[in-house]
Amino acid sequence: DFYSIAAGFGNVHGVYAPGNVKLTPTILGNAQKYIIEKEGITGQEKPVYFVFHGGSGSSREEIREAISYGVIKMNIDTDTQWSMWEGVRDYEAKNNGYLQTQIGNPEGADKPNKKFYDPRAWMRQAELSTVKRLQGAYEDLNAIGALAK
C-alpha cells in the first residue's frame, strides 16, 4: 500500500520573514517510528510518504532533513509565483525606456518598440526566472538526475 500525508511540522503556506516559521522536521521521523510501532510494520524504515506543504522560504538544511524522514513532495507555489513576477519585473526595469510607447525610445523618436512589449519577450523572462527557481528546488530536494538513477 502507498500512503501519503500532508503532515504539519511548523510549515505554513505563504511567505514570511526569516525566523518567523519554525520547522520541526523531527516530528516526521517520530511519526514514522510511531506508525511502525502501532501497526507492527517490519522491514520498512519509512512506511509513510509525507507531502511538505508550505515549503517556500525553507532552508536547504530543513528541506533535506524533512526528506530524510520521508518527504517525497514539496509545494513551492509562493516561490514560483515570485519567480514569475521577478522575471517580468526585471525585464521591465531593463527595458523601461522601450516600454512607454509603441514608437520612440532611447535610440530615437521614430524607433519602434514592438519587440520589447511583445508578451512573448517578457513572458520568456518570467519563464527563465522560474526555471532558475525550479533548478534550485531540484538541488534542494536532491533531485538532480533523479530520473537517471
N, C-alpha and C. Protein backbone atom coordinates (compact mmCIF):
# COMPACT_ATOMS: atom_id res chain seq x y z
N ASP A 1 0.83 -1.20 0.00
CA ASP A 1 0.00 0.00 0.00
C ASP A 1 0.87 1.25 0.00
N PHE A 2 0.32 2.31 -0.53
CA PHE A 2 1.03 3.58 -0.63
C PHE A 2 0.20 4.65 0.08
N TYR A 3 0.76 5.25 1.09
CA TYR A 3 0.07 6.31 1.82
C TYR A 3 0.92 7.57 1.77
N SER A 4 0.27 8.70 1.60
CA SER A 4 0.98 9.96 1.75
C SER A 4 0.13 10.88 2.62
N ILE A 5 0.83 11.63 3.44
CA ILE A 5 0.17 12.50 4.41
C ILE A 5 0.79 13.89 4.33
N ALA A 6 -0.04 14.90 4.31
CA ALA A 6 0.44 16.28 4.40
C ALA A 6 0.42 16.64 5.88
N ALA A 7 1.50 16.30 6.54
CA ALA A 7 1.59 16.50 7.99
C ALA A 7 2.13 17.89 8.31
N GLY A 8 1.65 18.46 9.40
CA GLY A 8 2.14 19.75 9.84
C GLY A 8 3.32 19.58 10.78
N PHE A 9 4.41 20.29 10.50
CA PHE A 9 5.57 20.27 11.39
C PHE A 9 6.17 21.67 11.49
N GLY A 10 5.25 22.65 11.52
CA GLY A 10 5.64 24.05 11.59
C GLY A 10 5.57 24.74 10.24
N ASN A 11 5.32 23.99 9.19
CA ASN A 11 5.26 24.55 7.84
C ASN A 11 3.93 25.29 7.62
N VAL A 12 4.00 26.35 6.84
CA VAL A 12 2.81 27.16 6.56
C VAL A 12 2.85 27.62 5.10
N HIS A 13 1.67 27.85 4.54
CA HIS A 13 1.60 28.39 3.19
C HIS A 13 1.88 29.89 3.25
N GLY A 14 2.44 30.42 2.19
CA GLY A 14 2.68 31.85 2.11
C GLY A 14 4.14 32.20 2.26
N VAL A 15 4.38 33.47 2.51
CA VAL A 15 5.75 33.95 2.65
C VAL A 15 5.87 34.72 3.97
N TYR A 16 6.96 34.48 4.65
CA TYR A 16 7.17 35.09 5.96
C TYR A 16 8.63 35.52 6.08
N ALA A 17 8.88 36.49 6.93
CA ALA A 17 10.25 36.95 7.17
C ALA A 17 11.05 35.81 7.80
N PRO A 18 12.35 35.73 7.47
CA PRO A 18 13.18 34.68 8.06
C PRO A 18 13.05 34.65 9.58
N GLY A 19 12.95 33.45 10.11
CA GLY A 19 12.84 33.28 11.55
C GLY A 19 11.42 33.22 12.08
N ASN A 20 10.43 33.61 11.26
CA ASN A 20 9.04 33.60 11.73
C ASN A 20 8.39 32.23 11.62
N VAL A 21 8.96 31.34 10.83
CA VAL A 21 8.43 29.99 10.71
C VAL A 21 9.46 29.05 11.32
N LYS A 22 9.04 28.28 12.29
CA LYS A 22 9.92 27.34 12.98
C LYS A 22 9.55 25.91 12.59
N LEU A 23 10.34 25.35 11.68
CA LEU A 23 10.09 23.98 11.27
C LEU A 23 10.65 23.01 12.30
N THR A 24 9.95 21.90 12.46
CA THR A 24 10.41 20.83 13.34
C THR A 24 10.27 19.51 12.59
N PRO A 25 11.17 19.26 11.62
CA PRO A 25 11.05 18.05 10.82
C PRO A 25 11.15 16.76 11.62
N THR A 26 11.74 16.80 12.80
CA THR A 26 11.84 15.59 13.62
C THR A 26 10.47 15.01 13.93
N ILE A 27 9.44 15.83 13.90
CA ILE A 27 8.07 15.34 14.09
C ILE A 27 7.76 14.24 13.07
N LEU A 28 8.27 14.41 11.85
CA LEU A 28 8.03 13.43 10.80
C LEU A 28 8.72 12.11 11.12
N GLY A 29 9.96 12.19 11.59
CA GLY A 29 10.68 10.99 11.98
C GLY A 29 10.00 10.27 13.13
N ASN A 30 9.51 11.05 14.10
CA ASN A 30 8.80 10.46 15.23
C ASN A 30 7.50 9.81 14.78
N ALA A 31 6.84 10.41 13.80
CA ALA A 31 5.60 9.84 13.26
C ALA A 31 5.88 8.50 12.58
N GLN A 32 6.98 8.43 11.83
CA GLN A 32 7.34 7.17 11.19
C GLN A 32 7.53 6.08 12.24
N LYS A 33 8.28 6.38 13.30
CA LYS A 33 8.52 5.40 14.37
C LYS A 33 7.22 4.98 15.03
N TYR A 34 6.35 5.94 15.28
CA TYR A 34 5.05 5.65 15.92
C TYR A 34 4.21 4.71 15.05
N ILE A 35 4.15 5.00 13.76
CA ILE A 35 3.36 4.18 12.83
C ILE A 35 3.93 2.76 12.76
N ILE A 36 5.25 2.64 12.68
CA ILE A 36 5.89 1.32 12.65
C ILE A 36 5.51 0.53 13.89
N GLU A 37 5.59 1.19 15.04
CA GLU A 37 5.28 0.52 16.32
C GLU A 37 3.80 0.14 16.41
N LYS A 38 2.93 1.08 16.15
CA LYS A 38 1.48 0.84 16.31
C LYS A 38 0.93 -0.14 15.29
N GLU A 39 1.49 -0.15 14.09
CA GLU A 39 0.98 -1.02 13.03
C GLU A 39 1.76 -2.33 12.93
N GLY A 40 2.83 -2.45 13.74
CA GLY A 40 3.63 -3.67 13.70
C GLY A 40 4.33 -3.88 12.37
N ILE A 41 4.76 -2.81 11.76
CA ILE A 41 5.40 -2.87 10.44
C ILE A 41 6.85 -3.32 10.61
N THR A 42 7.26 -4.24 9.78
CA THR A 42 8.65 -4.68 9.79
C THR A 42 9.24 -4.51 8.40
N GLY A 43 10.53 -4.28 8.37
CA GLY A 43 11.23 -4.17 7.10
C GLY A 43 11.07 -2.84 6.38
N GLN A 44 10.44 -1.88 7.01
CA GLN A 44 10.28 -0.55 6.41
C GLN A 44 10.67 0.51 7.43
N GLU A 45 11.61 1.34 7.04
CA GLU A 45 12.03 2.43 7.90
C GLU A 45 11.10 3.64 7.79
N LYS A 46 10.51 3.80 6.59
CA LYS A 46 9.61 4.93 6.32
C LYS A 46 8.36 4.42 5.62
N PRO A 47 7.39 3.92 6.38
CA PRO A 47 6.19 3.37 5.75
C PRO A 47 5.23 4.41 5.20
N VAL A 48 5.41 5.66 5.59
CA VAL A 48 4.51 6.73 5.15
C VAL A 48 5.32 7.76 4.37
N TYR A 49 4.74 8.20 3.25
CA TYR A 49 5.33 9.29 2.48
C TYR A 49 4.67 10.59 2.91
N PHE A 50 5.48 11.61 3.09
CA PHE A 50 4.96 12.90 3.52
C PHE A 50 5.02 13.93 2.40
N VAL A 51 4.04 14.81 2.41
CA VAL A 51 4.00 15.96 1.50
C VAL A 51 4.31 17.19 2.33
N PHE A 52 5.26 17.97 1.86
CA PHE A 52 5.72 19.17 2.56
C PHE A 52 4.95 20.36 2.00
N HIS A 53 3.80 20.66 2.59
CA HIS A 53 3.03 21.84 2.19
C HIS A 53 3.72 23.06 2.79
N GLY A 54 3.74 24.14 2.05
CA GLY A 54 4.33 25.37 2.57
C GLY A 54 5.83 25.31 2.64
N GLY A 55 6.47 24.83 1.57
CA GLY A 55 7.93 24.73 1.56
C GLY A 55 8.64 26.00 1.16
N SER A 56 7.93 26.97 0.61
CA SER A 56 8.57 28.21 0.18
C SER A 56 9.29 28.87 1.35
N GLY A 57 10.52 29.30 1.09
CA GLY A 57 11.28 30.02 2.10
C GLY A 57 12.04 29.12 3.06
N SER A 58 11.89 27.82 2.95
CA SER A 58 12.60 26.90 3.85
C SER A 58 14.07 26.79 3.42
N SER A 59 14.94 26.56 4.39
CA SER A 59 16.36 26.42 4.08
C SER A 59 16.63 25.04 3.49
N ARG A 60 17.74 24.93 2.77
CA ARG A 60 18.13 23.64 2.19
C ARG A 60 18.29 22.59 3.29
N GLU A 61 18.84 22.98 4.42
CA GLU A 61 19.04 22.04 5.53
C GLU A 61 17.70 21.52 6.04
N GLU A 62 16.72 22.41 6.21
CA GLU A 62 15.39 21.99 6.68
C GLU A 62 14.71 21.06 5.66
N ILE A 63 14.86 21.39 4.40
CA ILE A 63 14.25 20.58 3.34
C ILE A 63 14.87 19.18 3.34
N ARG A 64 16.18 19.12 3.41
CA ARG A 64 16.85 17.82 3.36
C ARG A 64 16.59 17.00 4.62
N GLU A 65 16.46 17.66 5.75
CA GLU A 65 16.10 16.92 6.96
C GLU A 65 14.71 16.32 6.81
N ALA A 66 13.77 17.11 6.27
CA ALA A 66 12.41 16.62 6.07
C ALA A 66 12.42 15.42 5.09
N ILE A 67 13.23 15.51 4.05
CA ILE A 67 13.35 14.39 3.09
C ILE A 67 13.85 13.14 3.80
N SER A 68 14.79 13.33 4.71
CA SER A 68 15.35 12.17 5.41
C SER A 68 14.30 11.43 6.23
N TYR A 69 13.20 12.10 6.56
CA TYR A 69 12.12 11.47 7.33
C TYR A 69 10.96 11.00 6.45
N GLY A 70 11.11 11.12 5.13
CA GLY A 70 10.09 10.56 4.25
C GLY A 70 9.32 11.54 3.39
N VAL A 71 9.73 12.79 3.33
CA VAL A 71 9.05 13.74 2.43
C VAL A 71 9.39 13.38 0.99
N ILE A 72 8.36 13.23 0.16
CA ILE A 72 8.57 12.89 -1.25
C ILE A 72 8.07 13.98 -2.19
N LYS A 73 7.40 14.99 -1.64
CA LYS A 73 6.86 16.08 -2.46
C LYS A 73 6.87 17.34 -1.62
N MET A 74 7.25 18.45 -2.25
CA MET A 74 7.25 19.73 -1.55
C MET A 74 6.58 20.78 -2.42
N ASN A 75 5.68 21.53 -1.84
CA ASN A 75 4.99 22.61 -2.55
C ASN A 75 5.78 23.91 -2.40
N ILE A 76 6.00 24.58 -3.53
CA ILE A 76 6.72 25.86 -3.52
C ILE A 76 5.99 26.89 -4.37
N ASP A 77 4.68 26.86 -4.33
CA ASP A 77 3.88 27.74 -5.17
C ASP A 77 4.21 29.22 -4.95
N THR A 78 4.36 29.62 -3.70
CA THR A 78 4.67 31.03 -3.43
C THR A 78 5.98 31.42 -4.09
N ASP A 79 6.98 30.56 -4.01
CA ASP A 79 8.27 30.86 -4.64
C ASP A 79 8.16 30.93 -6.16
N THR A 80 7.37 30.06 -6.76
CA THR A 80 7.26 30.11 -8.22
C THR A 80 6.42 31.30 -8.67
N GLN A 81 5.45 31.71 -7.87
CA GLN A 81 4.73 32.95 -8.19
C GLN A 81 5.70 34.13 -8.20
N TRP A 82 6.56 34.18 -7.17
CA TRP A 82 7.52 35.28 -7.08
C TRP A 82 8.50 35.22 -8.24
N SER A 83 8.97 34.03 -8.60
CA SER A 83 9.95 33.94 -9.68
C SER A 83 9.36 34.42 -11.00
N MET A 84 8.08 34.14 -11.24
CA MET A 84 7.44 34.65 -12.46
C MET A 84 7.42 36.17 -12.45
N TRP A 85 6.98 36.73 -11.33
CA TRP A 85 6.92 38.19 -11.21
C TRP A 85 8.32 38.79 -11.32
N GLU A 86 9.30 38.17 -10.70
CA GLU A 86 10.67 38.69 -10.72
C GLU A 86 11.19 38.78 -12.15
N GLY A 87 10.89 37.79 -12.97
CA GLY A 87 11.31 37.83 -14.37
C GLY A 87 10.68 38.98 -15.12
N VAL A 88 9.39 39.20 -14.91
CA VAL A 88 8.69 40.33 -15.56
C VAL A 88 9.23 41.65 -15.03
N ARG A 89 9.37 41.75 -13.72
CA ARG A 89 9.86 42.98 -13.10
C ARG A 89 11.24 43.36 -13.61
N ASP A 90 12.14 42.38 -13.67
CA ASP A 90 13.50 42.65 -14.13
C ASP A 90 13.52 43.04 -15.61
N TYR A 91 12.68 42.40 -16.41
CA TYR A 91 12.59 42.74 -17.83
C TYR A 91 12.12 44.18 -17.99
N GLU A 92 11.10 44.55 -17.24
CA GLU A 92 10.57 45.92 -17.33
C GLU A 92 11.62 46.93 -16.90
N ALA A 93 12.34 46.64 -15.82
CA ALA A 93 13.36 47.58 -15.34
C ALA A 93 14.47 47.76 -16.38
N LYS A 94 14.88 46.67 -17.00
CA LYS A 94 15.94 46.72 -18.00
C LYS A 94 15.51 47.44 -19.27
N ASN A 95 14.25 47.29 -19.64
CA ASN A 95 13.76 47.83 -20.93
C ASN A 95 12.75 48.96 -20.76
N ASN A 96 12.74 49.60 -19.64
CA ASN A 96 11.74 50.61 -19.34
C ASN A 96 11.60 51.67 -20.43
N GLY A 97 12.69 52.15 -20.95
CA GLY A 97 12.66 53.20 -21.97
C GLY A 97 12.03 52.75 -23.29
N TYR A 98 11.87 51.45 -23.46
CA TYR A 98 11.29 50.89 -24.68
C TYR A 98 9.84 50.47 -24.48
N LEU A 99 9.35 50.63 -23.25
CA LEU A 99 8.01 50.12 -22.91
C LEU A 99 7.01 51.23 -22.61
N GLN A 100 7.31 52.45 -22.99
CA GLN A 100 6.43 53.57 -22.68
C GLN A 100 5.47 53.92 -23.81
N THR A 101 5.88 53.66 -25.02
CA THR A 101 5.06 53.95 -26.20
C THR A 101 5.37 52.90 -27.27
N GLN A 102 4.52 52.85 -28.29
CA GLN A 102 4.78 51.91 -29.38
C GLN A 102 5.95 52.36 -30.25
N ILE A 103 6.10 53.68 -30.39
CA ILE A 103 7.18 54.24 -31.20
C ILE A 103 7.88 55.31 -30.39
N GLY A 104 9.19 55.26 -30.42
CA GLY A 104 10.01 56.23 -29.69
C GLY A 104 10.63 55.58 -28.46
N ASN A 105 11.97 55.62 -28.44
CA ASN A 105 12.70 55.03 -27.32
C ASN A 105 14.06 55.69 -27.20
N PRO A 106 14.93 55.24 -26.31
CA PRO A 106 16.23 55.88 -26.14
C PRO A 106 17.09 55.91 -27.40
N GLU A 107 16.77 55.08 -28.38
CA GLU A 107 17.55 55.06 -29.62
C GLU A 107 17.04 56.06 -30.65
N GLY A 108 15.84 56.62 -30.43
CA GLY A 108 15.32 57.61 -31.37
C GLY A 108 13.81 57.74 -31.29
N ALA A 109 13.31 58.91 -31.63
CA ALA A 109 11.87 59.21 -31.54
C ALA A 109 11.05 58.41 -32.54
N ASP A 110 11.68 57.90 -33.59
CA ASP A 110 10.93 57.15 -34.59
C ASP A 110 11.19 55.64 -34.54
N LYS A 111 11.85 55.19 -33.51
CA LYS A 111 12.21 53.77 -33.40
C LYS A 111 11.05 52.97 -32.78
N PRO A 112 10.69 51.83 -33.40
CA PRO A 112 9.58 51.01 -32.89
C PRO A 112 10.00 50.18 -31.66
N ASN A 113 9.00 49.84 -30.87
CA ASN A 113 9.24 49.09 -29.63
C ASN A 113 8.55 47.73 -29.58
N LYS A 114 8.00 47.32 -30.72
CA LYS A 114 7.19 46.10 -30.74
C LYS A 114 7.89 44.90 -30.12
N LYS A 115 9.17 44.70 -30.44
CA LYS A 115 9.85 43.52 -29.92
C LYS A 115 10.04 43.57 -28.40
N PHE A 116 9.90 44.76 -27.81
CA PHE A 116 10.05 44.88 -26.36
C PHE A 116 8.75 44.65 -25.62
N TYR A 117 7.63 45.16 -26.17
CA TYR A 117 6.36 44.97 -25.45
C TYR A 117 5.62 43.70 -25.88
N ASP A 118 6.16 42.99 -26.83
CA ASP A 118 5.58 41.71 -27.24
C ASP A 118 5.53 40.80 -26.00
N PRO A 119 4.35 40.30 -25.62
CA PRO A 119 4.24 39.45 -24.43
C PRO A 119 5.18 38.24 -24.45
N ARG A 120 5.52 37.77 -25.63
CA ARG A 120 6.43 36.62 -25.71
C ARG A 120 7.81 36.98 -25.17
N ALA A 121 8.19 38.24 -25.27
CA ALA A 121 9.52 38.65 -24.79
C ALA A 121 9.55 38.68 -23.26
N TRP A 122 8.59 39.37 -22.66
CA TRP A 122 8.64 39.46 -21.19
C TRP A 122 8.18 38.20 -20.51
N MET A 123 7.27 37.42 -21.14
CA MET A 123 6.87 36.15 -20.56
C MET A 123 8.03 35.16 -20.59
N ARG A 124 8.85 35.24 -21.62
CA ARG A 124 10.02 34.35 -21.69
C ARG A 124 10.94 34.62 -20.51
N GLN A 125 11.10 35.87 -20.15
CA GLN A 125 11.95 36.19 -18.99
C GLN A 125 11.33 35.65 -17.70
N ALA A 126 10.01 35.70 -17.60
CA ALA A 126 9.32 35.12 -16.44
C ALA A 126 9.57 33.62 -16.39
N GLU A 127 9.50 32.97 -17.54
CA GLU A 127 9.74 31.52 -17.60
C GLU A 127 11.17 31.18 -17.22
N LEU A 128 12.13 31.94 -17.73
CA LEU A 128 13.54 31.67 -17.41
C LEU A 128 13.82 31.88 -15.93
N SER A 129 13.20 32.88 -15.34
CA SER A 129 13.36 33.12 -13.91
C SER A 129 12.80 31.95 -13.10
N THR A 130 11.68 31.41 -13.55
CA THR A 130 11.06 30.28 -12.86
C THR A 130 11.88 29.01 -13.05
N VAL A 131 12.45 28.81 -14.22
CA VAL A 131 13.33 27.67 -14.44
C VAL A 131 14.49 27.72 -13.45
N LYS A 132 15.04 28.91 -13.27
CA LYS A 132 16.15 29.08 -12.31
C LYS A 132 15.69 28.69 -10.90
N ARG A 133 14.49 29.12 -10.51
CA ARG A 133 13.99 28.78 -9.17
C ARG A 133 13.75 27.28 -9.05
N LEU A 134 13.21 26.67 -10.10
CA LEU A 134 12.97 25.23 -10.06
C LEU A 134 14.27 24.44 -10.01
N GLN A 135 15.29 24.91 -10.71
CA GLN A 135 16.58 24.24 -10.63
C GLN A 135 17.13 24.28 -9.21
N GLY A 136 16.91 25.40 -8.52
CA GLY A 136 17.31 25.49 -7.12
C GLY A 136 16.54 24.51 -6.25
N ALA A 137 15.24 24.36 -6.54
CA ALA A 137 14.42 23.40 -5.80
C ALA A 137 14.89 21.98 -6.05
N TYR A 138 15.25 21.65 -7.30
CA TYR A 138 15.74 20.31 -7.60
C TYR A 138 17.01 20.02 -6.81
N GLU A 139 17.87 21.02 -6.71
CA GLU A 139 19.09 20.86 -5.90
C GLU A 139 18.74 20.66 -4.44
N ASP A 140 17.84 21.51 -3.91
CA ASP A 140 17.43 21.39 -2.50
C ASP A 140 16.87 20.00 -2.20
N LEU A 141 16.13 19.45 -3.15
CA LEU A 141 15.42 18.18 -2.96
C LEU A 141 16.26 16.97 -3.36
N ASN A 142 17.53 17.17 -3.65
CA ASN A 142 18.40 16.07 -4.10
C ASN A 142 17.81 15.37 -5.33
N ALA A 143 17.19 16.14 -6.22
CA ALA A 143 16.50 15.56 -7.37
C ALA A 143 17.26 15.74 -8.69
N ILE A 144 18.45 16.32 -8.66
CA ILE A 144 19.21 16.49 -9.89
C ILE A 144 19.58 15.09 -10.39
N GLY A 145 19.20 14.79 -11.61
CA GLY A 145 19.50 13.49 -12.20
C GLY A 145 18.69 12.34 -11.64
N ALA A 146 17.62 12.63 -10.90
CA ALA A 146 16.82 11.57 -10.25
C ALA A 146 16.25 10.58 -11.25
N LEU A 147 15.86 11.05 -12.42
CA LEU A 147 15.29 10.14 -13.41
C LEU A 147 16.34 9.23 -14.04
N ALA A 148 17.59 9.61 -13.93
CA ALA A 148 18.67 8.80 -14.49
C ALA A 148 19.09 7.69 -13.53
N LYS A 149 18.61 7.77 -12.29
CA LYS A 149 19.02 6.78 -11.28
C LYS A 149 18.26 5.49 -11.42
